[in-house]
Amino acid sequence: MQDTYRTIAAPTESIYKEKGSKFLAFAYPVYSEEDVKECLAELRKKYFDARHHCYAYSLGAGKSRYRANDDGEPNHSAGDPILGQIRSADLSNILVVVVRYFGGTKLGVSGLINAYKTATADALAEATIIEKHETTLLQIHFEYPQMNDVMSLVKDYNLDVRNQQFELSCVLTIEVRKQLQEEITAKLEAIEGVKVEEFGS
């Protein structure tokens, strides 16, 4: 099962100009459709006077969830070229939005395709590409006396702790590699009184 993917380490941006039109490209690491919506809402608010906010994203190690949106540009002249660049860079869990300010001269479909492609390529060229594993968040519920057993397992697997509440009843949110989810869940549940559930489920 493939659970490794390439993505960008941090957001990047670039500007491409063609015949008076300005194409502002923004690349973001994202993990869900929710993240995509938030980034888009932010850009639409910031660049409210732009004519188009075209975008494409790809999610998951298998890149099975993706979308391309032309946002009013001629069919397949914006979203697809953006997605094409994401794919040719072999990236996932990424969103690229290209904000266009019209400069008065029409570029034609081939001109648009080239502009959206170049703007995206420029933004991706600015990015640091990293390899990541697909992960899931687990919430561990346990009583204070089980703390040592739980924490030594977290240490053994070198797990990222995202959130912790240590009181009499403790809750720990950890990030685990999808491939290891069953194995880690089984080991945690083998500790008496420990309950594990997928975060957000």
C-alpha atoms as a PDB file:
ATOM      1  CA  MET A   1       0.000   0.000   0.000  1.00  0.00           C
ATOM      2  CA  GLN A   2       1.495   3.316  -1.016  1.00  0.00           C
ATOM      3  CA  ASP A   3       1.286   5.830   1.803  1.00  0.00           C
ATOM      4  CA  THR A   4       4.177   8.118   0.894  1.00  0.00           C
ATOM      5  CA  TYR A   5       3.599  11.273  -1.112  1.00  0.00           C
ATOM      6  CA  ARG A   6       5.421  14.447  -2.124  1.00  0.00           C
ATOM      7  CA  THR A   7       4.078  17.809  -1.059  1.00  0.00           C
ATOM      8  CA  ILE A   8       5.317  21.333  -0.361  1.00  0.00           C
ATOM      9  CA  ALA A   9       6.773  22.323   3.007  1.00  0.00           C
ATOM     10  CA  ALA A  10       5.148  25.765   3.186  1.00  0.00           C
ATOM     11  CA  PRO A  11       2.961  28.142   1.140  1.00  0.00           C
ATOM     12  CA  THR A  12       4.601  29.944  -1.789  1.00  0.00           C
ATOM     13  CA  GLU A  13       3.508  32.576  -4.293  1.00  0.00           C
ATOM     14  CA  SER A  14       4.583  34.080  -7.589  1.00  0.00           C
ATOM     15  CA  ILE A  15       3.424  36.668 -10.143  1.00  0.00           C
ATOM     16  CA  TYR A  16       3.262  36.189 -13.902  1.00  0.00           C
ATOM     17  CA  LYS A  17       2.358  39.050 -16.272  1.00  0.00           C
ATOM     18  CA  GLU A  18       1.098  38.705 -19.827  1.00  0.00           C
ATOM     19  CA  LYS A  19      -0.239  41.548 -22.028  1.00  0.00           C
ATOM     20  CA  GLY A  20      -1.335  43.619 -19.043  1.00  0.00           C
ATOM     21  CA  SER A  21      -3.025  40.703 -17.242  1.00  0.00           C
ATOM     22  CA  LYS A  22      -1.561  39.737 -13.890  1.00  0.00           C
ATOM     23  CA  PHE A  23      -1.639  36.141 -12.683  1.00  0.00           C
ATOM     24  CA  LEU A  24      -0.941  35.764  -8.950  1.00  0.00           C
ATOM     25  CA  ALA A  25      -0.235  32.128  -8.115  1.00  0.00           C
ATOM     26  CA  PHE A  26      -0.487  30.740  -4.568  1.00  0.00           C
ATOM     27  CA  ALA A  27       0.486  27.191  -3.573  1.00  0.00           C
ATOM     28  CA  TYR A  28      -0.581  25.754  -0.195  1.00  0.00           C
ATOM     29  CA  PRO A  29      -0.026  22.438   1.574  1.00  0.00           C
ATOM     30  CA  VAL A  30      -3.562  21.175   2.398  1.00  0.00           C
ATOM     31  CA  TYR A  31      -4.964  18.022   3.991  1.00  0.00           C
ATOM     32  CA  SER A  32      -8.704  18.183   3.361  1.00  0.00           C
ATOM     33  CA  GLU A  33     -11.459  19.848   1.357  1.00  0.00           C
ATOM     34  CA  GLU A  34     -12.008  22.029   4.442  1.00  0.00           C
ATOM     35  CA  ASP A  35      -8.456  23.388   4.144  1.00  0.00           C
ATOM     36  CA  VAL A  36      -9.087  24.084   0.446  1.00  0.00           C
ATOM     37  CA  LYS A  37     -12.276  26.033   1.250  1.00  0.00           C
ATOM     38  CA  GLU A  38     -10.509  28.109   3.909  1.00  0.00           C
ATOM     39  CA  CYS A  39      -7.615  29.069   1.607  1.00  0.00           C
ATOM     40  CA  LEU A  40     -10.017  29.983  -1.204  1.00  0.00           C
ATOM     41  CA  ALA A  41     -12.231  32.068   1.096  1.00  0.00           C
ATOM     42  CA  GLU A  42      -9.188  33.958   2.363  1.00  0.00           C
ATOM     43  CA  LEU A  43      -7.904  34.713  -1.145  1.00  0.00           C
ATOM     44  CA  ARG A  44     -11.352  35.744  -2.409  1.00  0.00           C
ATOM     45  CA  LYS A  45     -11.611  38.176   0.495  1.00  0.00           C
ATOM     46  CA  LYS A  46      -8.104  39.578  -0.027  1.00  0.00           C
ATOM     47  CA  TYR A  47      -8.340  39.825  -3.845  1.00  0.00           C
ATOM     48  CA  PHE A  48     -12.072  40.552  -4.022  1.00  0.00           C
ATOM     49  CA  ASP A  49     -11.617  42.830  -7.040  1.00  0.00           C
ATOM     50  CA  ALA A  50      -9.958  40.139  -9.218  1.00  0.00           C
ATOM     51  CA  ARG A  51     -11.953  38.698 -12.062  1.00  0.00           C
ATOM     52  CA  HIS A  52     -11.026  35.035 -11.622  1.00  0.00           C
ATOM     53  CA  HIS A  53      -9.815  32.752  -8.819  1.00  0.00           C
ATOM     54  CA  CYS A  54      -8.948  29.560 -10.697  1.00  0.00           C
ATOM     55  CA  TYR A  55      -7.600  26.573  -8.819  1.00  0.00           C
ATOM     56  CA  ALA A  56      -6.771  22.893  -8.668  1.00  0.00           C
ATOM     57  CA  TYR A  57      -5.957  20.559  -5.818  1.00  0.00           C
ATOM     58  CA  SER A  58      -4.876  16.980  -5.238  1.00  0.00           C
ATOM     59  CA  LEU A  59      -5.359  15.079  -1.964  1.00  0.00           C
ATOM     60  CA  GLY A  60      -4.175  11.769  -0.503  1.00  0.00           C
ATOM     61  CA  ALA A  61      -1.148   9.572  -1.124  1.00  0.00           C
ATOM     62  CA  GLY A  62      -2.948   7.928  -4.048  1.00  0.00           C
ATOM     63  CA  LYS A  63      -3.970  11.381  -5.410  1.00  0.00           C
ATOM     64  CA  SER A  64      -7.472   9.972  -5.811  1.00  0.00           C
ATOM     65  CA  ARG A  65      -9.243  13.162  -4.728  1.00  0.00           C
ATOM     66  CA  TYR A  66      -8.625  16.092  -7.023  1.00  0.00           C
ATOM     67  CA  ARG A  67     -10.462  18.935  -8.665  1.00  0.00           C
ATOM     68  CA  ALA A  68      -9.811  21.640 -11.254  1.00  0.00           C
ATOM     69  CA  ASN A  69     -11.918  24.808 -11.460  1.00  0.00           C
ATOM     70  CA  ASP A  70     -11.841  27.413 -14.264  1.00  0.00           C
ATOM     71  CA  ASP A  71     -13.879  29.989 -12.291  1.00  0.00           C
ATOM     72  CA  GLY A  72     -15.401  31.620 -15.362  1.00  0.00           C
ATOM     73  CA  GLU A  73     -12.423  31.271 -17.719  1.00  0.00           C
ATOM     74  CA  PRO A  74     -13.074  29.265 -20.941  1.00  0.00           C
ATOM     75  CA  ASN A  75     -13.449  25.521 -20.283  1.00  0.00           C
ATOM     76  CA  HIS A  76     -10.192  23.710 -19.472  1.00  0.00           C
ATOM     77  CA  SER A  77      -8.105  26.866 -19.967  1.00  0.00           C
ATOM     78  CA  ALA A  78      -7.225  27.419 -16.291  1.00  0.00           C
ATOM     79  CA  GLY A  79      -7.991  24.635 -13.792  1.00  0.00           C
ATOM     80  CA  ASP A  80      -6.629  21.830 -15.987  1.00  0.00           C
ATOM     81  CA  PRO A  81      -3.280  23.530 -16.742  1.00  0.00           C
ATOM     82  CA  ILE A  82      -2.885  24.155 -12.979  1.00  0.00           C
ATOM     83  CA  LEU A  83      -3.681  20.504 -12.192  1.00  0.00           C
ATOM     84  CA  GLY A  84      -1.336  19.417 -14.974  1.00  0.00           C
ATOM     85  CA  GLN A  85       1.563  21.214 -13.295  1.00  0.00           C
ATOM     86  CA  ILE A  86       0.718  19.677  -9.903  1.00  0.00           C
ATOM     87  CA  ARG A  87       0.722  16.239 -11.539  1.00  0.00           C
ATOM     88  CA  SER A  88       3.896  16.716 -13.518  1.00  0.00           C
ATOM     89  CA  ALA A  89       5.641  17.742 -10.266  1.00  0.00           C
ATOM     90  CA  ASP A  90       4.157  14.551  -8.715  1.00  0.00           C
ATOM     91  CA  LEU A  91       2.666  16.423  -5.746  1.00  0.00           C
ATOM     92  CA  SER A  92      -0.306  15.736  -3.500  1.00  0.00           C
ATOM     93  CA  ASN A  93      -2.026  17.376  -0.523  1.00  0.00           C
ATOM     94  CA  ILE A  94      -1.558  20.631  -2.366  1.00  0.00           C
ATOM     95  CA  LEU A  95      -3.785  23.462  -3.565  1.00  0.00           C
ATOM     96  CA  VAL A  96      -2.737  25.993  -6.195  1.00  0.00           C
ATOM     97  CA  VAL A  97      -4.900  29.076  -6.746  1.00  0.00           C
ATOM     98  CA  VAL A  98      -4.189  31.527  -9.549  1.00  0.00           C
ATOM     99  CA  VAL A  99      -5.841  34.934  -9.137  1.00  0.00           C
ATOM    100  CA  ARG A 100      -6.190  36.822 -12.423  1.00  0.00           C
ATOM    101  CA  TYR A 101      -6.477  40.544 -12.950  1.00  0.00           C
ATOM    102  CA  PHE A 102      -7.600  41.215 -16.514  1.00  0.00           C
ATOM    103  CA  GLY A 103      -5.409  43.704 -18.359  1.00  0.00           C
ATOM    104  CA  GLY A 104      -7.751  44.637 -21.204  1.00  0.00           C
ATOM    105  CA  THR A 105      -6.225  42.405 -23.896  1.00  0.00           C
ATOM    106  CA  LYS A 106      -7.752  38.982 -24.481  1.00  0.00           C
ATOM    107  CA  LEU A 107      -5.163  36.207 -24.441  1.00  0.00           C
ATOM    108  CA  GLY A 108      -7.151  33.528 -26.278  1.00  0.00           C
ATOM    109  CA  VAL A 109      -7.444  29.959 -24.978  1.00  0.00           C
ATOM    110  CA  SER A 110      -3.871  28.941 -25.814  1.00  0.00           C
ATOM    111  CA  GLY A 111      -2.564  32.155 -24.217  1.00  0.00           C
ATOM    112  CA  LEU A 112      -4.590  31.468 -21.067  1.00  0.00           C
ATOM    113  CA  ILE A 113      -3.417  27.855 -20.860  1.00  0.00           C
ATOM    114  CA  ASN A 114       0.176  29.017 -21.121  1.00  0.00           C
ATOM    115  CA  ALA A 115      -0.302  31.799 -18.527  1.00  0.00           C
ATOM    116  CA  TYR A 116      -1.973  29.546 -15.917  1.00  0.00           C
ATOM    117  CA  LYS A 117       0.607  26.820 -16.540  1.00  0.00           C
ATOM    118  CA  THR A 118       3.558  29.215 -16.188  1.00  0.00           C
ATOM    119  CA  ALA A 119       2.162  30.969 -13.091  1.00  0.00           C
ATOM    120  CA  THR A 120       1.663  27.579 -11.394  1.00  0.00           C
ATOM    121  CA  ALA A 121       5.105  26.310 -12.414  1.00  0.00           C
ATOM    122  CA  ASP A 122       6.682  29.497 -10.998  1.00  0.00           C
ATOM    123  CA  ALA A 123       4.908  29.101  -7.634  1.00  0.00           C
ATOM    124  CA  LEU A 124       5.932  25.428  -7.445  1.00  0.00           C
ATOM    125  CA  ALA A 125       9.525  26.309  -8.339  1.00  0.00           C
ATOM    126  CA  GLU A 126       9.614  28.494  -5.207  1.00  0.00           C
ATOM    127  CA  ALA A 127       8.516  25.593  -2.995  1.00  0.00           C
ATOM    128  CA  THR A 128      10.564  23.163  -0.959  1.00  0.00           C
ATOM    129  CA  ILE A 129       9.352  19.670  -1.829  1.00  0.00           C
ATOM    130  CA  ILE A 130       9.182  17.167   1.040  1.00  0.00           C
ATOM    131  CA  GLU A 131       8.174  13.526   1.352  1.00  0.00           C
ATOM    132  CA  LYS A 132       5.478  12.679   3.852  1.00  0.00           C
ATOM    133  CA  HIS A 133       3.536   9.623   4.940  1.00  0.00           C
ATOM    134  CA  GLU A 134      -0.224   9.584   4.984  1.00  0.00           C
ATOM    135  CA  THR A 135      -1.240   9.864   8.601  1.00  0.00           C
ATOM    136  CA  THR A 136      -4.334   9.737  10.712  1.00  0.00           C
ATOM    137  CA  LEU A 137      -5.084  11.244  14.130  1.00  0.00           C
ATOM    138  CA  LEU A 138      -5.906   8.913  17.014  1.00  0.00           C
ATOM    139  CA  GLN A 139      -7.374   9.931  20.324  1.00  0.00           C
ATOM    140  CA  ILE A 140      -6.297   7.851  23.304  1.00  0.00           C
ATOM    141  CA  HIS A 141      -8.417   7.892  26.450  1.00  0.00           C
ATOM    142  CA  PHE A 142      -6.850   6.499  29.614  1.00  0.00           C
ATOM    143  CA  GLU A 143      -6.624   6.956  33.358  1.00  0.00           C
ATOM    144  CA  TYR A 144      -3.640   8.637  34.991  1.00  0.00           C
ATOM    145  CA  PRO A 145      -2.061   5.348  36.225  1.00  0.00           C
ATOM    146  CA  GLN A 146      -1.726   4.111  32.598  1.00  0.00           C
ATOM    147  CA  MET A 147       0.273   7.211  31.642  1.00  0.00           C
ATOM    148  CA  ASN A 148       3.713   5.542  31.681  1.00  0.00           C
ATOM    149  CA  ASP A 149       2.645   2.607  29.505  1.00  0.00           C
ATOM    150  CA  VAL A 150       0.965   4.887  26.983  1.00  0.00           C
ATOM    151  CA  MET A 151       3.826   7.396  26.861  1.00  0.00           C
ATOM    152  CA  SER A 152       6.504   4.720  26.444  1.00  0.00           C
ATOM    153  CA  LEU A 153       4.596   3.378  23.407  1.00  0.00           C
ATOM    154  CA  VAL A 154       4.377   6.923  21.995  1.00  0.00           C
ATOM    155  CA  LYS A 155       8.147   7.197  22.506  1.00  0.00           C
ATOM    156  CA  ASP A 156       8.890   3.762  20.969  1.00  0.00           C
ATOM    157  CA  TYR A 157       7.093   4.721  17.765  1.00  0.00           C
ATOM    158  CA  ASN A 158       8.319   8.314  17.875  1.00  0.00           C
ATOM    159  CA  LEU A 159       4.743   9.576  17.465  1.00  0.00           C
ATOM    160  CA  ASP A 160       3.764  13.220  17.149  1.00  0.00           C
ATOM    161  CA  VAL A 161       1.583  14.388  20.013  1.00  0.00           C
ATOM    162  CA  ARG A 162      -0.900  16.947  18.736  1.00  0.00           C
ATOM    163  CA  ASN A 163      -2.843  17.593  21.905  1.00  0.00           C
ATOM    164  CA  GLN A 164      -2.797  16.425  25.487  1.00  0.00           C
ATOM    165  CA  GLN A 165      -4.949  16.745  28.585  1.00  0.00           C
ATOM    166  CA  PHE A 166      -3.492  15.153  31.685  1.00  0.00           C
ATOM    167  CA  GLU A 167      -5.933  15.049  34.559  1.00  0.00           C
ATOM    168  CA  LEU A 168      -7.387  12.044  36.352  1.00  0.00           C
ATOM    169  CA  SER A 169      -8.810  11.011  33.021  1.00  0.00           C
ATOM    170  CA  CYS A 170      -6.315  11.709  30.268  1.00  0.00           C
ATOM    171  CA  VAL A 171      -6.786  12.335  26.559  1.00  0.00           C
ATOM    172  CA  LEU A 172      -3.926  12.267  24.120  1.00  0.00           C
ATOM    173  CA  THR A 173      -4.232  13.050  20.404  1.00  0.00           C
ATOM    174  CA  ILE A 174      -1.431  11.520  18.335  1.00  0.00           C
ATOM    175  CA  GLU A 175      -0.572  11.462  14.656  1.00  0.00           C
ATOM    176  CA  VAL A 176       0.247   7.998  13.324  1.00  0.00           C
ATOM    177  CA  ARG A 177       1.291   6.712   9.946  1.00  0.00           C
ATOM    178  CA  LYS A 178      -1.758   5.104   8.295  1.00  0.00           C
ATOM    179  CA  GLN A 179       0.187   1.908   7.623  1.00  0.00           C
ATOM    180  CA  LEU A 180       0.887   1.497  11.336  1.00  0.00           C
ATOM    181  CA  GLN A 181      -2.548   2.506  12.594  1.00  0.00           C
ATOM    182  CA  GLU A 182      -3.816  -1.034  13.278  1.00  0.00           C
ATOM    183  CA  GLU A 183      -0.596  -2.175  14.907  1.00  0.00           C
ATOM    184  CA  ILE A 184      -0.385   0.864  17.211  1.00  0.00           C
ATOM    185  CA  THR A 185      -4.105   0.747  18.076  1.00  0.00           C
ATOM    186  CA  ALA A 186      -3.805  -2.947  19.006  1.00  0.00           C
ATOM    187  CA  LYS A 187      -0.793  -2.300  21.258  1.00  0.00           C
ATOM    188  CA  LEU A 188      -2.503   0.624  22.976  1.00  0.00           C
ATOM    189  CA  GLU A 189      -5.727  -1.298  23.500  1.00  0.00           C
ATOM    190  CA  ALA A 190      -3.707  -4.147  25.012  1.00  0.00           C
ATOM    191  CA  ILE A 191      -2.998  -1.789  27.922  1.00  0.00           C
ATOM    192  CA  GLU A 192      -5.806  -2.247  30.409  1.00  0.00           C
ATOM    193  CA  GLY A 193      -8.345   0.575  30.480  1.00  0.00           C
ATOM    194  CA  VAL A 194      -7.108   2.300  27.323  1.00  0.00           C
ATOM    195  CA  LYS A 195      -9.618   3.293  24.649  1.00  0.00           C
ATOM    196  CA  VAL A 196      -8.538   4.433  21.173  1.00  0.00           C
ATOM    197  CA  GLU A 197     -10.665   6.145  18.526  1.00  0.00           C
ATOM    198  CA  GLU A 198      -9.975   7.882  15.266  1.00  0.00           C
ATOM    199  CA  PHE A 199     -10.012  11.624  15.837  1.00  0.00           C
ATOM    200  CA  GLY A 200     -13.080  13.319  14.424  1.00  0.00           C
ATOM    201  CA  SER A 201     -14.907  10.051  13.745  1.00  0.00           C
END
